[in-house]
């Protein structure tokens, strides 16, 4: 039977013969689709290297290319052998993807979401912020019976976690307080269970887990373990980076700073919070105005709290500005801050002590030593014990830059001033004595 040159089944048969049993249009379709999938996979890899979609896309594309070129290499056997080549290419693509999955860690493991449900006595609580390097995402339930926090990072960054509690109460020492926890303890709980249930004891100012173990607590006397230290290297999604990057955009002109300082005493808690954060973000240029305001109104509780918070957060979020902040502080400023380690409000004491500890300015040693010796009339007798211990922390951090003779004098003065019955203070004093000089006989 003659073979027609146009149309009909004979043409198809001729094409199959010339294409070794596999139509040319299928080869070109496989080639185009395969290359397209490879290109799409490369784009997805550049967009999100943690995704499992891009290797799957590229493996499928590579498999299609293998199938297309493999069918062209078939010399004999027709459609059946071509079908075997296609199946083999598909198997190779699946094997490549399986090898990729086996050799690479699961990217979703780093994004494992942990949840914390915090309930308890929330009647007077108007705001809760759980802060690692930056505040964790949180929301209050519709029935106002609990707060929910979401932890995205597999490992906590800050050595100390802080739980900041804002209240509806009015008056000194009642509007805000802070509790702290060591990173290792909270990390262990999150590793044990990704869903945590904690309870707030408002009166005791503690947070406990489901086994009634204390997780967060407020402190009257600071422990160096609960002082803010350097954080781990930041992650790509760390919001503290964004806050630092935006710090330069904060208004730093005198009028704007003055308005923010005035907002520290606003009746609206949200306005006060925003003012504290913005003053901290402005950085060293806000320090002189903050200290002038404190000197003019030393008894204004909200102002004392706001200034202490802003200074503390300034160094906590940007430790590289320590030297510049120190240059902005006068000797009178240092003396005023040193006295504030014995403030009537323990939250102010906490922030100021931590600020001076991080600052490490040797000018603070003399003022702190007067408090340890009980010679500063600005410290109320009821707060003398707390003030003395906090002052010892400041001395320990700042005395390293002093001359040897001065260190010896400080060691002798501390040895005489701190009694043995004040065990915690005495233990810290012994550390300072060993660090700063020889103990007096």
Protein backbone atom coordinates (compact mmCIF):
# COMPACT_ATOMS: atom_id res chain seq x y z
CA UNK A 1 0.00 0.00 0.00
CA UNK A 2 1.50 3.33 -1.06
CA UNK A 3 2.42 5.84 1.58
CA UNK A 4 0.70 9.21 1.04
CA UNK A 5 2.80 12.33 1.33
CA UNK A 6 0.13 14.38 3.05
CA UNK A 7 -2.56 13.60 5.61
CA UNK A 8 -3.77 10.33 7.08
CA UNK A 9 -2.34 7.72 9.38
CA UNK A 10 0.57 6.96 7.09
CA UNK A 11 2.03 10.41 7.72
CA UNK A 12 1.80 9.81 11.47
CA UNK A 13 3.49 6.45 11.07
CA UNK A 14 6.25 8.06 9.04
CA UNK A 15 6.80 10.70 11.68
CA UNK A 16 6.94 8.06 14.39
CA UNK A 17 9.54 6.15 12.40
CA UNK A 18 11.70 9.21 11.86
CA UNK A 19 11.34 10.25 15.57
CA UNK A 20 12.28 6.75 16.73
CA UNK A 21 8.84 5.94 18.06
CA UNK A 22 8.24 9.26 19.89
CA UNK A 23 6.50 12.26 18.24
CA UNK A 24 8.70 15.33 17.84
CA UNK A 25 6.05 17.62 19.29
CA UNK A 26 6.24 15.70 22.57
CA UNK A 27 10.01 16.13 22.65
CA UNK A 28 9.73 19.89 22.18
CA UNK A 29 6.91 20.13 24.74
CA UNK A 30 9.03 18.26 27.30
CA UNK A 31 12.02 20.44 26.54
CA UNK A 32 10.08 23.70 26.91
CA UNK A 33 8.20 22.65 30.05
CA UNK A 34 11.34 21.21 31.63
CA UNK A 35 13.37 24.37 31.05
CA UNK A 36 10.46 26.48 32.32
CA UNK A 37 10.25 24.46 35.54
CA UNK A 38 14.02 24.71 36.03
CA UNK A 39 13.83 28.49 35.63
CA UNK A 40 10.82 28.69 37.97
CA UNK A 41 12.66 26.59 40.56
CA UNK A 42 15.71 28.86 40.38
CA UNK A 43 13.49 31.91 40.91
CA UNK A 44 11.78 30.28 43.89
CA UNK A 45 15.18 29.39 45.36
CA UNK A 46 16.24 33.04 45.18
CA UNK A 47 12.93 34.15 46.70
CA UNK A 48 12.80 31.66 49.59
CA UNK A 49 15.76 29.33 50.13
CA UNK A 50 13.96 27.55 53.00
CA UNK A 51 11.08 26.37 50.80
CA UNK A 52 10.71 22.76 49.71
CA UNK A 53 8.82 23.86 46.61
CA UNK A 54 11.83 25.03 44.60
CA UNK A 55 13.78 21.71 44.70
CA UNK A 56 10.62 19.78 43.82
CA UNK A 57 10.00 22.10 40.86
CA UNK A 58 13.59 21.79 39.64
CA UNK A 59 13.62 17.99 40.01
CA UNK A 60 10.44 17.69 37.95
CA UNK A 61 11.90 19.99 35.31
CA UNK A 62 15.13 18.00 35.22
CA UNK A 63 13.14 14.78 34.93
CA UNK A 64 11.22 16.13 31.94
CA UNK A 65 14.49 17.10 30.22
CA UNK A 66 15.88 13.61 30.84
CA UNK A 67 12.72 12.08 29.43
CA UNK A 68 12.72 14.31 26.36
CA UNK A 69 16.36 13.71 25.42
CA UNK A 70 16.15 10.06 26.45
CA UNK A 71 13.38 9.35 23.99
CA UNK A 72 15.42 10.93 21.20
CA UNK A 73 18.28 8.56 22.00
CA UNK A 74 16.14 5.46 21.51
CA UNK A 75 17.34 3.65 18.42
CA UNK A 76 14.89 0.84 18.28
CA UNK A 77 11.88 -0.52 20.05
CA UNK A 78 9.30 2.19 19.31
CA UNK A 79 6.74 3.52 21.79
CA UNK A 80 7.21 0.81 24.42
CA UNK A 81 10.90 1.57 24.85
CA UNK A 82 10.23 5.32 24.86
CA UNK A 83 7.67 4.84 27.58
CA UNK A 84 10.31 3.02 29.62
CA UNK A 85 12.69 5.96 29.21
CA UNK A 86 9.99 8.37 30.44
CA UNK A 87 9.29 6.19 33.46
CA UNK A 88 13.01 5.96 34.24
CA UNK A 89 13.41 9.72 34.01
CA UNK A 90 10.51 10.17 36.42
CA UNK A 91 12.13 7.74 38.83
CA UNK A 92 15.41 9.69 38.65
CA UNK A 93 13.54 12.94 39.43
CA UNK A 94 11.87 11.36 42.47
CA UNK A 95 15.22 9.95 43.64
CA UNK A 96 16.91 13.36 43.29
CA UNK A 97 14.23 15.01 45.40
CA UNK A 98 14.43 12.27 48.03
CA UNK A 99 18.22 12.76 48.25
CA UNK A 100 17.75 16.51 48.63
CA UNK A 101 15.24 16.07 51.46
CA UNK A 102 17.52 13.56 53.19
CA UNK A 103 20.63 15.73 52.97
CA UNK A 104 19.05 19.03 54.02
CA UNK A 105 17.49 19.85 57.41
CA UNK A 106 13.79 20.50 57.61
CA UNK A 107 13.44 24.28 57.19
CA UNK A 108 10.13 24.23 59.00
CA UNK A 109 11.84 23.02 62.18
CA UNK A 110 13.38 26.46 62.63
CA UNK A 111 9.94 27.99 62.33
CA UNK A 112 8.20 25.75 64.82
CA UNK A 113 5.64 27.88 66.58
CA UNK A 114 5.41 27.73 70.37
CA UNK A 115 2.46 29.23 72.19
CA UNK A 116 2.15 30.59 75.70
CA UNK A 117 -1.24 31.12 77.33
CA UNK A 118 -0.96 33.43 80.36
CA UNK A 119 -4.02 33.64 82.60
CA UNK A 120 -4.60 34.30 86.28
CA UNK A 121 -5.33 37.54 88.13
CA UNK A 122 -5.70 39.98 85.24
CA UNK A 123 -8.33 42.26 86.75
CA UNK A 124 -5.99 45.24 87.05
CA UNK A 125 -3.77 44.38 84.08
CA UNK A 126 -4.09 46.67 81.07
CA UNK A 127 -1.06 45.43 79.16
CA UNK A 128 1.42 42.56 79.15
CA UNK A 129 4.57 42.40 77.07
CA UNK A 130 6.88 39.40 77.02
CA UNK A 131 10.23 40.62 75.75
CA UNK A 132 13.12 38.58 74.40
CA UNK A 133 15.30 40.78 72.16
CA UNK A 134 12.04 42.46 71.18
CA UNK A 135 8.44 42.08 72.34
CA UNK A 136 6.89 38.78 71.29
CA UNK A 137 3.67 38.88 69.33
CA UNK A 138 0.77 38.83 71.77
CA UNK A 139 -2.98 39.22 71.90
CA UNK A 140 -5.58 39.32 74.63
CA UNK A 141 -8.50 36.93 74.29
CA UNK A 142 -11.96 38.34 73.68
CA UNK A 143 -13.13 37.36 77.16
CA UNK A 144 -10.07 39.14 78.66
CA UNK A 145 -9.20 36.04 80.67
CA UNK A 146 -5.77 35.43 79.22
CA UNK A 147 -2.96 36.72 77.04
CA UNK A 148 -1.50 34.60 74.27
CA UNK A 149 2.11 34.89 73.15
CA UNK A 150 3.68 33.34 70.05
CA UNK A 151 7.36 32.33 69.96
CA UNK A 152 8.67 31.88 66.41
CA UNK A 153 12.38 31.43 67.06
CA UNK A 154 13.60 27.95 68.04
CA UNK A 155 16.05 29.47 70.51
CA UNK A 156 15.57 32.51 72.71
CA UNK A 157 18.20 35.20 72.15
CA UNK A 158 18.35 37.31 75.28
CA UNK A 159 19.98 35.88 78.44
CA UNK A 160 17.18 37.48 80.44
CA UNK A 161 13.50 37.54 79.46
CA UNK A 162 11.31 40.32 80.79
CA UNK A 163 7.58 40.42 81.43
CA UNK A 164 6.38 44.02 81.59
CA UNK A 165 3.02 44.49 83.33
CA UNK A 166 1.01 47.70 82.97
CA UNK A 167 -1.90 48.18 85.35
CA UNK A 168 -5.04 50.27 85.76
CA UNK A 169 -3.99 51.30 89.26
CA UNK A 170 -2.76 54.79 89.98
CA UNK A 171 0.04 55.98 92.19
CA UNK A 172 3.73 55.49 92.75
CA UNK A 173 4.93 51.93 92.33
CA UNK A 174 1.54 50.64 91.19
CA UNK A 175 1.21 51.57 87.52
CA UNK A 176 3.89 49.32 86.11
CA UNK A 177 6.16 46.54 87.27
CA UNK A 178 8.54 44.11 85.63
CA UNK A 179 9.31 40.45 86.22
CA UNK A 180 12.30 38.54 84.91
CA UNK A 181 13.38 35.00 84.08
CA UNK A 182 16.59 33.39 82.93
CA UNK A 183 16.64 32.25 79.32
CA UNK A 184 17.67 28.67 80.17
CA UNK A 185 14.60 28.13 82.33
CA UNK A 186 12.10 29.44 79.76
CA UNK A 187 13.89 27.64 76.91
CA UNK A 188 13.68 24.36 78.81
CA UNK A 189 9.93 24.77 79.31
CA UNK A 190 9.36 25.56 75.63
CA UNK A 191 11.44 22.56 74.60
CA UNK A 192 9.41 20.33 76.92
CA UNK A 193 6.11 21.43 75.42
CA UNK A 194 5.34 23.86 72.59
CA UNK A 195 2.10 24.86 74.31
CA UNK A 196 2.65 26.45 77.70
CA UNK A 197 0.00 27.43 80.26
CA UNK A 198 1.21 30.00 82.79
CA UNK A 199 -0.57 31.87 85.59
CA UNK A 200 0.00 35.36 86.92
CA UNK A 201 -0.16 35.97 90.66
CA UNK A 202 -0.73 39.72 90.64
CA UNK A 203 -0.25 40.26 94.38
CA UNK A 204 2.97 38.24 94.59
CA UNK A 205 4.17 39.50 91.20
CA UNK A 206 5.12 36.04 90.00
CA UNK A 207 4.26 33.81 87.04
CA UNK A 208 4.12 30.04 87.47
CA UNK A 209 3.83 27.15 85.02
CA UNK A 210 1.26 24.35 85.11
CA UNK A 211 3.30 22.57 87.79
CA UNK A 212 3.32 25.74 89.92
CA UNK A 213 7.02 26.31 89.39
CA UNK A 214 7.99 29.98 89.38
CA UNK A 215 8.99 31.12 85.91
CA UNK A 216 8.99 34.93 86.25
CA UNK A 217 9.37 36.98 89.41
CA UNK A 218 9.89 40.59 90.32
CA UNK A 219 13.00 41.45 92.29
CA UNK A 220 13.80 43.88 95.07
CA UNK A 221 17.51 43.20 94.96
CA UNK A 222 19.07 42.45 91.61
CA UNK A 223 20.97 39.30 90.85
CA UNK A 224 23.66 39.48 88.20
CA UNK A 225 21.98 36.49 86.55
CA UNK A 226 18.90 38.67 86.07
CA UNK A 227 20.80 41.64 84.69
CA UNK A 228 20.54 42.11 80.96
CA UNK A 229 23.62 40.75 79.19
CA UNK A 230 24.61 40.55 75.55
CA UNK A 231 22.20 38.65 73.33
CA UNK A 232 22.98 35.92 70.86
CA UNK A 233 23.65 37.01 67.26
CA UNK A 234 20.37 38.32 65.81
CA UNK A 235 18.23 36.30 63.43
CA UNK A 236 17.04 37.53 60.05
CA UNK A 237 13.48 38.04 61.31
CA UNK A 238 14.46 39.67 64.63
CA UNK A 239 12.31 42.76 65.08
CA UNK A 240 14.98 44.33 67.31
CA UNK A 241 16.96 44.87 64.10
CA UNK A 242 14.08 46.76 62.59
CA UNK A 243 13.76 48.90 65.70
CA UNK A 244 17.48 49.70 65.59
CA UNK A 245 17.35 50.46 61.88
CA UNK A 246 14.47 52.87 62.41
CA UNK A 247 16.10 54.56 65.40
CA UNK A 248 17.82 57.06 63.16
CA UNK A 249 14.42 58.12 61.81
CA UNK A 250 13.15 59.15 65.26
CA UNK A 251 12.74 62.93 65.64
CA UNK A 252 15.79 64.24 67.53
CA UNK A 253 15.15 67.97 67.48
CA UNK A 254 14.75 69.64 70.92
CA UNK A 255 11.05 70.39 70.46
CA UNK A 256 10.21 66.78 69.62
CA UNK A 257 12.24 65.46 72.53
CA UNK A 258 10.54 67.93 74.87
CA UNK A 259 7.10 66.74 73.72
CA UNK A 260 8.06 63.13 74.30
CA UNK A 261 9.34 63.91 77.79
CA UNK A 262 6.06 65.65 78.57
CA UNK A 263 4.24 62.54 77.33
CA UNK A 264 6.03 60.48 79.98
CA UNK A 265 3.53 61.92 82.48
CA UNK A 266 0.41 61.56 80.32
CA UNK A 267 -2.68 59.92 81.79
CA UNK A 268 -2.93 57.52 78.85
CA UNK A 269 -0.69 54.51 79.48
CA UNK A 270 -0.28 53.91 75.73
CA UNK A 271 1.01 57.47 75.26
CA UNK A 272 3.51 56.99 78.09
CA UNK A 273 4.68 53.68 76.64
CA UNK A 274 5.20 55.12 73.18
CA UNK A 275 7.12 58.09 74.60
CA UNK A 276 9.46 55.78 76.54
CA UNK A 277 10.18 53.68 73.47
CA UNK A 278 10.76 56.66 71.18
CA UNK A 279 13.10 58.38 73.62
CA UNK A 280 15.10 55.17 73.90
CA UNK A 281 15.22 54.91 70.08
CA UNK A 282 16.47 58.48 69.70
CA UNK A 283 19.55 57.53 71.66
CA UNK A 284 22.33 59.65 73.21
CA UNK A 285 21.04 62.97 71.88
CA UNK A 286 17.99 62.65 74.17
CA UNK A 287 20.08 62.12 77.33
CA UNK A 288 20.74 65.77 78.32
CA UNK A 289 17.05 66.69 78.07
CA UNK A 290 16.03 63.60 80.03
CA UNK A 291 18.46 64.40 82.83
CA UNK A 292 17.39 68.08 82.97
CA UNK A 293 13.76 67.02 83.31
CA UNK A 294 14.70 64.62 86.11
CA UNK A 295 16.64 67.34 87.93
CA UNK A 296 13.70 69.75 87.70
CA UNK A 297 11.09 67.26 88.96
CA UNK A 298 12.86 64.54 90.99
CA UNK A 299 9.68 63.58 92.84
CA UNK A 300 7.50 63.02 89.74
CA UNK A 301 6.99 59.26 89.72
CA UNK A 302 6.02 58.82 86.07
CA UNK A 303 8.91 60.99 84.98
CA UNK A 304 11.41 59.03 87.09
CA UNK A 305 10.06 55.78 85.70
CA UNK A 306 10.07 57.02 82.11
CA UNK A 307 13.60 58.41 82.27
CA UNK A 308 14.91 55.24 83.93
CA UNK A 309 13.20 53.02 81.34
CA UNK A 310 14.40 55.08 78.37
CA UNK A 311 18.02 55.14 79.54
CA UNK A 312 17.99 51.42 80.29
CA UNK A 313 16.39 50.47 76.96
CA UNK A 314 18.81 52.75 75.13
CA UNK A 315 21.80 50.65 76.21
CA UNK A 316 19.99 47.35 76.18
CA UNK A 317 18.98 47.63 72.53
CA UNK A 318 22.10 49.47 71.32
CA UNK A 319 25.15 48.62 73.48
CA UNK A 320 27.42 50.29 70.95
CA UNK A 321 26.27 53.73 72.17
CA UNK A 322 27.55 53.24 75.76
CA UNK A 323 30.53 55.55 75.31
CA UNK A 324 28.44 58.29 73.70
CA UNK A 325 25.78 58.09 76.43
CA UNK A 326 28.51 58.40 79.06
CA UNK A 327 29.83 61.54 77.34
CA UNK A 328 26.35 63.09 77.51
CA UNK A 329 26.12 62.60 81.28
CA UNK A 330 27.57 65.20 83.64
CA UNK A 331 29.04 64.36 87.04
CA UNK A 332 25.84 65.71 88.61
CA UNK A 333 23.78 63.40 86.37
CA UNK A 334 25.80 60.38 87.46
CA UNK A 335 25.38 61.32 91.11
CA UNK A 336 21.61 61.71 90.70
CA UNK A 337 21.30 58.36 88.97
CA UNK A 338 23.46 56.64 91.58
CA UNK A 339 21.05 57.81 94.29
CA UNK A 340 18.13 56.38 92.26
CA UNK A 341 19.35 52.81 92.86
CA UNK A 342 17.60 53.31 96.21
CA UNK A 343 14.40 54.74 94.72
CA UNK A 344 11.14 54.07 96.53
CA UNK A 345 9.82 52.19 93.49
CA UNK A 346 11.56 48.89 92.82
CA UNK A 347 10.96 49.14 89.05
CA UNK A 348 12.86 52.43 88.95
CA UNK A 349 15.59 50.83 91.09
CA UNK A 350 15.80 47.94 88.64
CA UNK A 351 16.12 50.11 85.54
CA UNK A 352 18.62 52.57 87.00
CA UNK A 353 20.83 49.87 88.53
CA UNK A 354 20.91 47.96 85.26
CA UNK A 355 21.67 51.15 83.34
CA UNK A 356 24.63 52.05 85.57
CA UNK A 357 25.82 48.45 85.51
CA UNK A 358 25.85 48.46 81.70
CA UNK A 359 27.35 51.96 81.59
CA UNK A 360 30.34 50.94 83.77
CA UNK A 361 31.32 54.59 84.32
CA UNK A 362 33.99 54.98 87.04
CA UNK A 363 32.37 58.29 88.08
CA UNK A 364 29.52 56.29 89.61
CA UNK A 365 31.79 54.52 92.11
CA UNK A 366 32.13 57.38 94.61
CA UNK A 367 28.37 58.01 94.78
CA UNK A 368 27.64 54.30 95.02
CA UNK A 369 30.16 53.90 97.83
CA UNK A 370 28.45 56.64 99.84
CA UNK A 371 25.22 54.65 99.64
CA UNK A 372 26.95 51.44 100.71
CA UNK A 373 28.34 53.31 103.72
CA UNK A 374 24.89 54.72 104.53
CA UNK A 375 25.96 58.33 103.98
CA UNK A 376 23.43 59.36 101.32
CA UNK A 377 20.43 61.09 102.87
CA UNK A 378 18.47 60.79 99.63
CA UNK A 379 18.02 57.06 100.24
CA UNK A 380 15.14 56.27 102.59
CA UNK A 381 16.07 54.03 105.56
CA UNK A 382 13.53 51.43 104.40
CA UNK A 383 15.38 51.11 101.09
CA UNK A 384 18.94 51.20 102.46
CA UNK A 385 19.47 47.44 102.21
CA UNK A 386 18.30 47.26 98.58
CA UNK A 387 20.21 50.41 97.69
CA UNK A 388 23.43 49.10 99.24
CA UNK A 389 23.27 45.83 97.33
CA UNK A 390 22.45 47.56 94.02
CA UNK A 391 25.28 50.03 94.64
CA UNK A 392 27.69 47.15 95.12
CA UNK A 393 26.67 45.85 91.70
CA UNK A 394 27.41 49.27 90.19
CA UNK A 395 30.81 49.38 91.91
CA UNK A 396 31.68 45.90 90.69
CA UNK A 397 30.90 46.87 87.08
CA UNK A 398 32.63 50.26 87.15
CA UNK A 399 35.69 49.85 89.37
CA UNK A 400 37.80 48.05 86.79
CA UNK A 401 38.85 51.35 85.21
CA UNK A 402 40.08 52.91 88.45
CA UNK A 403 43.70 53.34 89.52
CA UNK A 404 45.21 50.66 91.77
CA UNK A 405 45.42 52.98 94.78
CA UNK A 406 41.76 53.90 94.44
CA UNK A 407 40.80 50.24 94.17
CA UNK A 408 42.62 49.49 97.41
CA UNK A 409 40.77 52.30 99.19
CA UNK A 410 37.42 51.08 97.86
CA UNK A 411 38.15 47.53 98.95
CA UNK A 412 38.94 48.68 102.47
CA UNK A 413 35.84 50.90 102.67
CA UNK A 414 33.54 48.12 101.44
CA UNK A 415 35.08 45.64 103.86
CA UNK A 416 34.27 47.93 106.77
CA UNK A 417 30.84 49.05 105.59
CA UNK A 418 29.16 45.73 104.74
CA UNK A 419 28.35 43.64 107.85
CA UNK A 420 28.60 39.87 107.88
CA UNK A 421 24.92 39.48 108.79
CA UNK A 422 23.92 41.04 105.46
CA UNK A 423 24.83 37.77 103.80
CA UNK A 424 23.90 38.52 100.22
CA UNK A 425 25.54 41.93 100.23
CA UNK A 426 28.55 40.53 102.05
CA UNK A 427 29.00 37.80 99.44
CA UNK A 428 28.97 40.42 96.69
CA UNK A 429 31.32 42.61 98.72
CA UNK A 430 33.80 39.74 99.00
CA UNK A 431 33.79 39.41 95.21
CA UNK A 432 34.52 43.11 94.81
CA UNK A 433 37.27 43.01 97.43
CA UNK A 434 39.00 40.18 95.62
CA UNK A 435 38.60 42.03 92.35
CA UNK A 436 39.58 45.55 93.42
CA UNK A 437 42.26 45.07 96.05
CA UNK A 438 43.58 43.30 99.09
CA UNK A 439 41.30 42.82 102.06
CA UNK A 440 42.00 44.97 105.10
CA UNK A 441 43.27 43.09 108.21
